[in-house]
Amino acid sequence: MITVKGREFITGNNNYTIGKTIRVIFLDTDPTADKTTGRKDLKKSGDYIIVGAKHSFNGTEISTELLCGKIAALGEELQI
């Protein structure tokens, strides 16, 4: 499950919906890691397919919980 801002799903130009592939980059959460270099968690990061979405409306706030399945990992060559 990944929680994101829901605006892209409602008014965005991109078609992020069930069945689409997205690339997700996770930062390393290891407290001993050097955060100044922006290290990525290569084990979690990769290409995911969206298999479900739950939209939540709270006043003017919109969030979306995405249920995703990982389909590909990223290698060491990852650059942001």
PDB file of N, CA and C in Angstrom:
ATOM      1  N   MET A   1       0.851  -1.179   0.000  1.00  0.00           N
ATOM      2  CA  MET A   1       0.000   0.000   0.000  1.00  0.00           C
ATOM      3  C   MET A   1       0.893   1.238   0.000  1.00  0.00           C
ATOM      4  N   ILE A   2       0.564   2.169  -0.849  1.00  0.00           N
ATOM      5  CA  ILE A   2       1.270   3.441  -0.947  1.00  0.00           C
ATOM      6  C   ILE A   2       0.212   4.535  -0.905  1.00  0.00           C
ATOM      7  N   THR A   3       0.388   5.525  -0.028  1.00  0.00           N
ATOM      8  CA  THR A   3      -0.546   6.648   0.046  1.00  0.00           C
ATOM      9  C   THR A   3       0.046   7.844  -0.686  1.00  0.00           C
ATOM     10  N   VAL A   4      -0.728   8.412  -1.593  1.00  0.00           N
ATOM     11  CA  VAL A   4      -0.292   9.558  -2.393  1.00  0.00           C
ATOM     12  C   VAL A   4      -1.378  10.632  -2.382  1.00  0.00           C
ATOM     13  N   LYS A   5      -1.021  11.822  -2.851  1.00  0.00           N
ATOM     14  CA  LYS A   5      -2.022  12.873  -3.009  1.00  0.00           C
ATOM     15  C   LYS A   5      -2.991  12.442  -4.095  1.00  0.00           C
ATOM     16  N   GLY A   6      -4.273  12.603  -3.841  1.00  0.00           N
ATOM     17  CA  GLY A   6      -5.285  12.107  -4.758  1.00  0.00           C
ATOM     18  C   GLY A   6      -5.599  12.998  -5.939  1.00  0.00           C
ATOM     19  N   ARG A   7      -5.099  14.227  -5.940  1.00  0.00           N
ATOM     20  CA  ARG A   7      -5.447  15.172  -6.995  1.00  0.00           C
ATOM     21  C   ARG A   7      -5.110  14.648  -8.389  1.00  0.00           C
ATOM     22  N   GLU A   8      -3.978  13.974  -8.570  1.00  0.00           N
ATOM     23  CA  GLU A   8      -3.594  13.456  -9.890  1.00  0.00           C
ATOM     24  C   GLU A   8      -4.587  12.434 -10.416  1.00  0.00           C
ATOM     25  N   PHE A   9      -5.272  11.737  -9.533  1.00  0.00           N
ATOM     26  CA  PHE A   9      -6.228  10.730  -9.960  1.00  0.00           C
ATOM     27  C   PHE A   9      -7.560  11.334 -10.368  1.00  0.00           C
ATOM     28  N   ILE A  10      -7.811  12.567  -9.924  1.00  0.00           N
ATOM     29  CA  ILE A  10      -9.102  13.185 -10.201  1.00  0.00           C
ATOM     30  C   ILE A  10      -9.002  14.251 -11.288  1.00  0.00           C
ATOM     31  N   THR A  11      -7.985  15.112 -11.204  1.00  0.00           N
ATOM     32  CA  THR A  11      -7.900  16.216 -12.157  1.00  0.00           C
ATOM     33  C   THR A  11      -6.616  16.225 -12.972  1.00  0.00           C
ATOM     34  N   GLY A  12      -5.705  15.290 -12.749  1.00  0.00           N
ATOM     35  CA  GLY A  12      -4.406  15.309 -13.418  1.00  0.00           C
ATOM     36  C   GLY A  12      -4.479  14.950 -14.893  1.00  0.00           C
ATOM     37  N   ASN A  13      -3.446  15.338 -15.618  1.00  0.00           N
ATOM     38  CA  ASN A  13      -3.358  15.020 -17.039  1.00  0.00           C
ATOM     39  C   ASN A  13      -2.861  13.603 -17.272  1.00  0.00           C
ATOM     40  N   ASN A  14      -2.145  13.057 -16.283  1.00  0.00           N
ATOM     41  CA  ASN A  14      -1.619  11.706 -16.422  1.00  0.00           C
ATOM     42  C   ASN A  14      -2.702  10.693 -16.087  1.00  0.00           C
ATOM     43  N   ASN A  15      -2.619   9.550 -16.704  1.00  0.00           N
ATOM     44  CA  ASN A  15      -3.616   8.512 -16.501  1.00  0.00           C
ATOM     45  C   ASN A  15      -3.079   7.474 -15.510  1.00  0.00           C
ATOM     46  N   TYR A  16      -3.077   7.823 -14.227  1.00  0.00           N
ATOM     47  CA  TYR A  16      -2.664   6.888 -13.186  1.00  0.00           C
ATOM     48  C   TYR A  16      -3.914   6.184 -12.677  1.00  0.00           C
ATOM     49  N   THR A  17      -4.093   4.956 -13.081  1.00  0.00           N
ATOM     50  CA  THR A  17      -5.282   4.219 -12.692  1.00  0.00           C
ATOM     51  C   THR A  17      -4.938   2.743 -12.599  1.00  0.00           C
ATOM     52  N   ILE A  18      -5.908   1.935 -12.239  1.00  0.00           N
ATOM     53  CA  ILE A  18      -5.700   0.501 -12.085  1.00  0.00           C
ATOM     54  C   ILE A  18      -5.196  -0.090 -13.407  1.00  0.00           C
ATOM     55  N   GLY A  19      -4.149  -0.906 -13.309  1.00  0.00           N
ATOM     56  CA  GLY A  19      -3.559  -1.534 -14.479  1.00  0.00           C
ATOM     57  C   GLY A  19      -2.357  -0.803 -15.035  1.00  0.00           C
ATOM     58  N   LYS A  20      -2.114   0.419 -14.582  1.00  0.00           N
ATOM     59  CA  LYS A  20      -0.975   1.204 -15.064  1.00  0.00           C
ATOM     60  C   LYS A  20       0.278   0.873 -14.266  1.00  0.00           C
ATOM     61  N   THR A  21       1.422   1.027 -14.896  1.00  0.00           N
ATOM     62  CA  THR A  21       2.711   0.807 -14.245  1.00  0.00           C
ATOM     63  C   THR A  21       3.279   2.144 -13.793  1.00  0.00           C
ATOM     64  N   ILE A  22       3.776   2.174 -12.551  1.00  0.00           N
ATOM     65  CA  ILE A  22       4.404   3.387 -12.017  1.00  0.00           C
ATOM     66  C   ILE A  22       5.781   3.018 -11.489  1.00  0.00           C
ATOM     67  N   ARG A  23       6.699   3.973 -11.507  1.00  0.00           N
ATOM     68  CA  ARG A  23       8.031   3.777 -10.919  1.00  0.00           C
ATOM     69  C   ARG A  23       8.032   4.481  -9.572  1.00  0.00           C
ATOM     70  N   VAL A  24       8.345   3.719  -8.531  1.00  0.00           N
ATOM     71  CA  VAL A  24       8.357   4.237  -7.171  1.00  0.00           C
ATOM     72  C   VAL A  24       9.786   4.167  -6.649  1.00  0.00           C
ATOM     73  N   ILE A  25      10.280   5.294  -6.123  1.00  0.00           N
ATOM     74  CA  ILE A  25      11.619   5.373  -5.550  1.00  0.00           C
ATOM     75  C   ILE A  25      11.477   5.572  -4.045  1.00  0.00           C
ATOM     76  N   PHE A  26      11.979   4.632  -3.267  1.00  0.00           N
ATOM     77  CA  PHE A  26      11.956   4.735  -1.814  1.00  0.00           C
ATOM     78  C   PHE A  26      13.326   5.170  -1.325  1.00  0.00           C
ATOM     79  N   LEU A  27      13.345   6.058  -0.331  1.00  0.00           N
ATOM     80  CA  LEU A  27      14.604   6.442   0.300  1.00  0.00           C
ATOM     81  C   LEU A  27      14.977   5.407   1.341  1.00  0.00           C
ATOM     82  N   ASP A  28      16.268   5.242   1.558  1.00  0.00           N
ATOM     83  CA  ASP A  28      16.767   4.294   2.541  1.00  0.00           C
ATOM     84  C   ASP A  28      16.396   4.788   3.935  1.00  0.00           C
ATOM     85  N   THR A  29      15.771   3.933   4.744  1.00  0.00           N
ATOM     86  CA  THR A  29      15.351   4.323   6.095  1.00  0.00           C
ATOM     87  C   THR A  29      16.336   3.867   7.153  1.00  0.00           C
ATOM     88  N   ASP A  30      17.470   3.323   6.751  1.00  0.00           N
ATOM     89  CA  ASP A  30      18.497   2.892   7.693  1.00  0.00           C
ATOM     90  C   ASP A  30      19.046   4.120   8.421  1.00  0.00           C
ATOM     91  N   PRO A  31      18.923   4.177   9.763  1.00  0.00           N
ATOM     92  CA  PRO A  31      19.385   5.366  10.490  1.00  0.00           C
ATOM     93  C   PRO A  31      20.889   5.591  10.397  1.00  0.00           C
ATOM     94  N   THR A  32      21.658   4.565  10.037  1.00  0.00           N
ATOM     95  CA  THR A  32      23.110   4.732   9.925  1.00  0.00           C
ATOM     96  C   THR A  32      23.533   5.142   8.519  1.00  0.00           C
ATOM     97  N   ALA A  33      22.599   5.192   7.594  1.00  0.00           N
ATOM     98  CA  ALA A  33      22.919   5.564   6.205  1.00  0.00           C
ATOM     99  C   ALA A  33      23.213   7.054   6.115  1.00  0.00           C
ATOM    100  N   ASP A  34      24.052   7.420   5.168  1.00  0.00           N
ATOM    101  CA  ASP A  34      24.419   8.814   4.937  1.00  0.00           C
ATOM    102  C   ASP A  34      23.288   9.504   4.180  1.00  0.00           C
ATOM    103  N   LYS A  35      22.468  10.283   4.880  1.00  0.00           N
ATOM    104  CA  LYS A  35      21.295  10.930   4.268  1.00  0.00           C
ATOM    105  C   LYS A  35      21.666  12.081   3.339  1.00  0.00           C
ATOM    106  N   THR A  36      22.873  12.610   3.442  1.00  0.00           N
ATOM    107  CA  THR A  36      23.254  13.750   2.600  1.00  0.00           C
ATOM    108  C   THR A  36      23.410  13.342   1.141  1.00  0.00           C
ATOM    109  N   THR A  37      23.613  12.062   0.874  1.00  0.00           N
ATOM    110  CA  THR A  37      23.779  11.628  -0.514  1.00  0.00           C
ATOM    111  C   THR A  37      22.460  11.229  -1.142  1.00  0.00           C
ATOM    112  N   GLY A  38      21.359  11.226  -0.372  1.00  0.00           N
ATOM    113  CA  GLY A  38      20.058  10.861  -0.922  1.00  0.00           C
ATOM    114  C   GLY A  38      20.005   9.412  -1.343  1.00  0.00           C
ATOM    115  N   ARG A  39      20.495   8.529  -0.505  1.00  0.00           N
ATOM    116  CA  ARG A  39      20.548   7.106  -0.840  1.00  0.00           C
ATOM    117  C   ARG A  39      19.154   6.531  -1.048  1.00  0.00           C
ATOM    118  N   LYS A  40      19.033   5.696  -2.067  1.00  0.00           N
ATOM    119  CA  LYS A  40      17.765   5.055  -2.387  1.00  0.00           C
ATOM    120  C   LYS A  40      17.763   3.622  -1.878  1.00  0.00           C
ATOM    121  N   ASP A  41      16.597   3.132  -1.514  1.00  0.00           N
ATOM    122  CA  ASP A  41      16.430   1.736  -1.129  1.00  0.00           C
ATOM    123  C   ASP A  41      16.168   0.950  -2.405  1.00  0.00           C
ATOM    124  N   LEU A  42      17.212   0.318  -2.932  1.00  0.00           N
ATOM    125  CA  LEU A  42      17.093  -0.378  -4.212  1.00  0.00           C
ATOM    126  C   LEU A  42      16.272  -1.658  -4.108  1.00  0.00           C
ATOM    127  N   LYS A  43      16.124  -2.201  -2.898  1.00  0.00           N
ATOM    128  CA  LYS A  43      15.329  -3.414  -2.729  1.00  0.00           C
ATOM    129  C   LYS A  43      13.830  -3.112  -2.861  1.00  0.00           C
ATOM    130  N   LYS A  44      13.384  -1.994  -2.284  1.00  0.00           N
ATOM    131  CA  LYS A  44      11.968  -1.620  -2.363  1.00  0.00           C
ATOM    132  C   LYS A  44      11.629  -0.870  -3.644  1.00  0.00           C
ATOM    133  N   SER A  45      12.549  -0.049  -4.129  1.00  0.00           N
ATOM    134  CA  SER A  45      12.292   0.776  -5.309  1.00  0.00           C
ATOM    135  C   SER A  45      12.147  -0.091  -6.556  1.00  0.00           C
ATOM    136  N   GLY A  46      11.321   0.374  -7.484  1.00  0.00           N
ATOM    137  CA  GLY A  46      11.156  -0.349  -8.734  1.00  0.00           C
ATOM    138  C   GLY A  46       9.874   0.008  -9.437  1.00  0.00           C
ATOM    139  N   ASP A  47       9.527  -0.793 -10.409  1.00  0.00           N
ATOM    140  CA  ASP A  47       8.298  -0.594 -11.163  1.00  0.00           C
ATOM    141  C   ASP A  47       7.190  -1.422 -10.530  1.00  0.00           C
ATOM    142  N   TYR A  48       6.052  -0.782 -10.322  1.00  0.00           N
ATOM    143  CA  TYR A  48       4.898  -1.408  -9.687  1.00  0.00           C
ATOM    144  C   TYR A  48       3.687  -1.269 -10.596  1.00  0.00           C
ATOM    145  N   ILE A  49       2.786  -2.238 -10.524  1.00  0.00           N
ATOM    146  CA  ILE A  49       1.517  -2.139 -11.241  1.00  0.00           C
ATOM    147  C   ILE A  49       0.431  -1.824 -10.211  1.00  0.00           C
ATOM    148  N   ILE A  50      -0.437  -0.886 -10.546  1.00  0.00           N
ATOM    149  CA  ILE A  50      -1.524  -0.499  -9.648  1.00  0.00           C
ATOM    150  C   ILE A  50      -2.643  -1.539  -9.793  1.00  0.00           C
ATOM    151  N   VAL A  51      -2.969  -2.207  -8.680  1.00  0.00           N
ATOM    152  CA  VAL A  51      -4.016  -3.227  -8.727  1.00  0.00           C
ATOM    153  C   VAL A  51      -5.271  -2.810  -7.965  1.00  0.00           C
ATOM    154  N   GLY A  52      -5.191  -1.709  -7.223  1.00  0.00           N
ATOM    155  CA  GLY A  52      -6.360  -1.212  -6.503  1.00  0.00           C
ATOM    156  C   GLY A  52      -6.128   0.204  -6.037  1.00  0.00           C
ATOM    157  N   ALA A  53      -7.196   0.954  -5.860  1.00  0.00           N
ATOM    158  CA  ALA A  53      -7.104   2.337  -5.392  1.00  0.00           C
ATOM    159  C   ALA A  53      -8.286   2.658  -4.500  1.00  0.00           C
ATOM    160  N   LYS A  54      -8.009   3.336  -3.381  1.00  0.00           N
ATOM    161  CA  LYS A  54      -9.052   3.768  -2.456  1.00  0.00           C
ATOM    162  C   LYS A  54      -8.880   5.266  -2.245  1.00  0.00           C
ATOM    163  N   HIS A  55      -9.898   6.025  -2.608  1.00  0.00           N
ATOM    164  CA  HIS A  55      -9.858   7.481  -2.498  1.00  0.00           C
ATOM    165  C   HIS A  55     -10.493   7.918  -1.180  1.00  0.00           C
ATOM    166  N   SER A  56      -9.857   8.890  -0.522  1.00  0.00           N
ATOM    167  CA  SER A  56     -10.381   9.436   0.733  1.00  0.00           C
ATOM    168  C   SER A  56     -10.536  10.943   0.584  1.00  0.00           C
ATOM    169  N   PHE A  57     -11.710  11.443   0.926  1.00  0.00           N
ATOM    170  CA  PHE A  57     -12.010  12.870   0.846  1.00  0.00           C
ATOM    171  C   PHE A  57     -12.208  13.400   2.257  1.00  0.00           C
ATOM    172  N   ASN A  58     -11.452  14.451   2.615  1.00  0.00           N
ATOM    173  CA  ASN A  58     -11.534  15.054   3.930  1.00  0.00           C
ATOM    174  C   ASN A  58     -11.547  16.570   3.746  1.00  0.00           C
ATOM    175  N   GLY A  59     -12.709  17.144   3.592  1.00  0.00           N
ATOM    176  CA  GLY A  59     -12.797  18.585   3.323  1.00  0.00           C
ATOM    177  C   GLY A  59     -12.197  18.881   1.961  1.00  0.00           C
ATOM    178  N   THR A  60     -11.114  19.652   1.940  1.00  0.00           N
ATOM    179  CA  THR A  60     -10.442  19.979   0.682  1.00  0.00           C
ATOM    180  C   THR A  60      -9.268  19.048   0.403  1.00  0.00           C
ATOM    181  N   GLU A  61      -8.970  18.132   1.320  1.00  0.00           N
ATOM    182  CA  GLU A  61      -7.869  17.185   1.155  1.00  0.00           C
ATOM    183  C   GLU A  61      -8.358  15.917   0.453  1.00  0.00           C
ATOM    184  N   ILE A  62      -7.573  15.451  -0.496  1.00  0.00           N
ATOM    185  CA  ILE A  62      -7.877  14.212  -1.197  1.00  0.00           C
ATOM    186  C   ILE A  62      -6.621  13.348  -1.143  1.00  0.00           C
ATOM    187  N   SER A  63      -6.753  12.116  -0.692  1.00  0.00           N
ATOM    188  CA  SER A  63      -5.623  11.191  -0.714  1.00  0.00           C
ATOM    189  C   SER A  63      -6.079   9.880  -1.344  1.00  0.00           C
ATOM    190  N   THR A  64      -5.119   9.160  -1.866  1.00  0.00           N
ATOM    191  CA  THR A  64      -5.412   7.887  -2.514  1.00  0.00           C
ATOM    192  C   THR A  64      -4.445   6.839  -1.992  1.00  0.00           C
ATOM    193  N   GLU A  65      -4.989   5.719  -1.549  1.00  0.00           N
ATOM    194  CA  GLU A  65      -4.176   4.575  -1.158  1.00  0.00           C
ATOM    195  C   GLU A  65      -4.115   3.631  -2.346  1.00  0.00           C
ATOM    196  N   LEU A  66      -2.908   3.363  -2.809  1.00  0.00           N
ATOM    197  CA  LEU A  66      -2.715   2.481  -3.954  1.00  0.00           C
ATOM    198  C   LEU A  66      -2.254   1.114  -3.480  1.00  0.00           C
ATOM    199  N   LEU A  67      -2.914   0.088  -3.940  1.00  0.00           N
ATOM    200  CA  LEU A  67      -2.460  -1.272  -3.715  1.00  0.00           C
ATOM    201  C   LEU A  67      -1.659  -1.638  -4.959  1.00  0.00           C
ATOM    202  N   CYS A  68      -0.368  -1.909  -4.759  1.00  0.00           N
ATOM    203  CA  CYS A  68       0.529  -2.131  -5.890  1.00  0.00           C
ATOM    204  C   CYS A  68       1.238  -3.471  -5.773  1.00  0.00           C
ATOM    205  N   GLY A  69       1.582  -4.024  -6.912  1.00  0.00           N
ATOM    206  CA  GLY A  69       2.391  -5.234  -6.980  1.00  0.00           C
ATOM    207  C   GLY A  69       3.676  -4.925  -7.716  1.00  0.00           C
ATOM    208  N   LYS A  70       4.801  -5.330  -7.133  1.00  0.00           N
ATOM    209  CA  LYS A  70       6.097  -5.032  -7.744  1.00  0.00           C
ATOM    210  C   LYS A  70       6.342  -5.953  -8.928  1.00  0.00           C
ATOM    211  N   ILE A  71       6.761  -5.355 -10.049  1.00  0.00           N
ATOM    212  CA  ILE A  71       7.015  -6.154 -11.249  1.00  0.00           C
ATOM    213  C   ILE A  71       8.467  -6.091 -11.698  1.00  0.00           C
ATOM    214  N   ALA A  72       9.253  -5.097 -11.212  1.00  0.00           N
ATOM    215  CA  ALA A  72      10.662  -4.994 -11.604  1.00  0.00           C
ATOM    216  C   ALA A  72      11.442  -4.218 -10.565  1.00  0.00           C
ATOM    217  N   ALA A  73      12.672  -4.629 -10.347  1.00  0.00           N
ATOM    218  CA  ALA A  73      13.570  -3.937  -9.424  1.00  0.00           C
ATOM    219  C   ALA A  73      14.459  -2.981 -10.199  1.00  0.00           C
ATOM    220  N   LEU A  74      15.020  -2.015  -9.490  1.00  0.00           N
ATOM    221  CA  LEU A  74      15.948  -1.073 -10.106  1.00  0.00           C
ATOM    222  C   LEU A  74      17.372  -1.481  -9.757  1.00  0.00           C
ATOM    223  N   GLY A  75      18.289  -1.251 -10.654  1.00  0.00           N
ATOM    224  CA  GLY A  75      19.675  -1.604 -10.420  1.00  0.00           C
ATOM    225  C   GLY A  75      20.458  -0.465  -9.794  1.00  0.00           C
ATOM    226  N   GLU A  76      21.742  -0.664  -9.648  1.00  0.00           N
ATOM    227  CA  GLU A  76      22.630   0.324  -9.052  1.00  0.00           C
ATOM    228  C   GLU A  76      22.738   1.598  -9.891  1.00  0.00           C
ATOM    229  N   GLU A  77      22.395   1.524 -11.189  1.00  0.00           N
ATOM    230  CA  GLU A  77      22.552   2.671 -12.081  1.00  0.00           C
ATOM    231  C   GLU A  77      21.478   3.727 -11.899  1.00  0.00           C
ATOM    232  N   LEU A  78      20.571   3.557 -10.921  1.00  0.00           N
ATOM    233  CA  LEU A  78      19.473   4.483 -10.690  1.00  0.00           C
ATOM    234  C   LEU A  78      19.988   5.894 -10.444  1.00  0.00           C
ATOM    235  N   GLN A  79      19.497   6.852 -11.200  1.00  0.00           N
ATOM    236  CA  GLN A  79      19.847   8.258 -11.047  1.00  0.00           C
ATOM    237  C   GLN A  79      18.581   9.067 -10.959  1.00  0.00           C
ATOM    238  N   ILE A  80      18.551  10.038 -10.043  1.00  0.00           N
ATOM    239  CA  ILE A  80      17.400  10.951  -9.937  1.00  0.00           C
ATOM    240  C   ILE A  80      17.873  12.349 -10.213  1.00  0.00           C
TER     241      ILE A  80
END
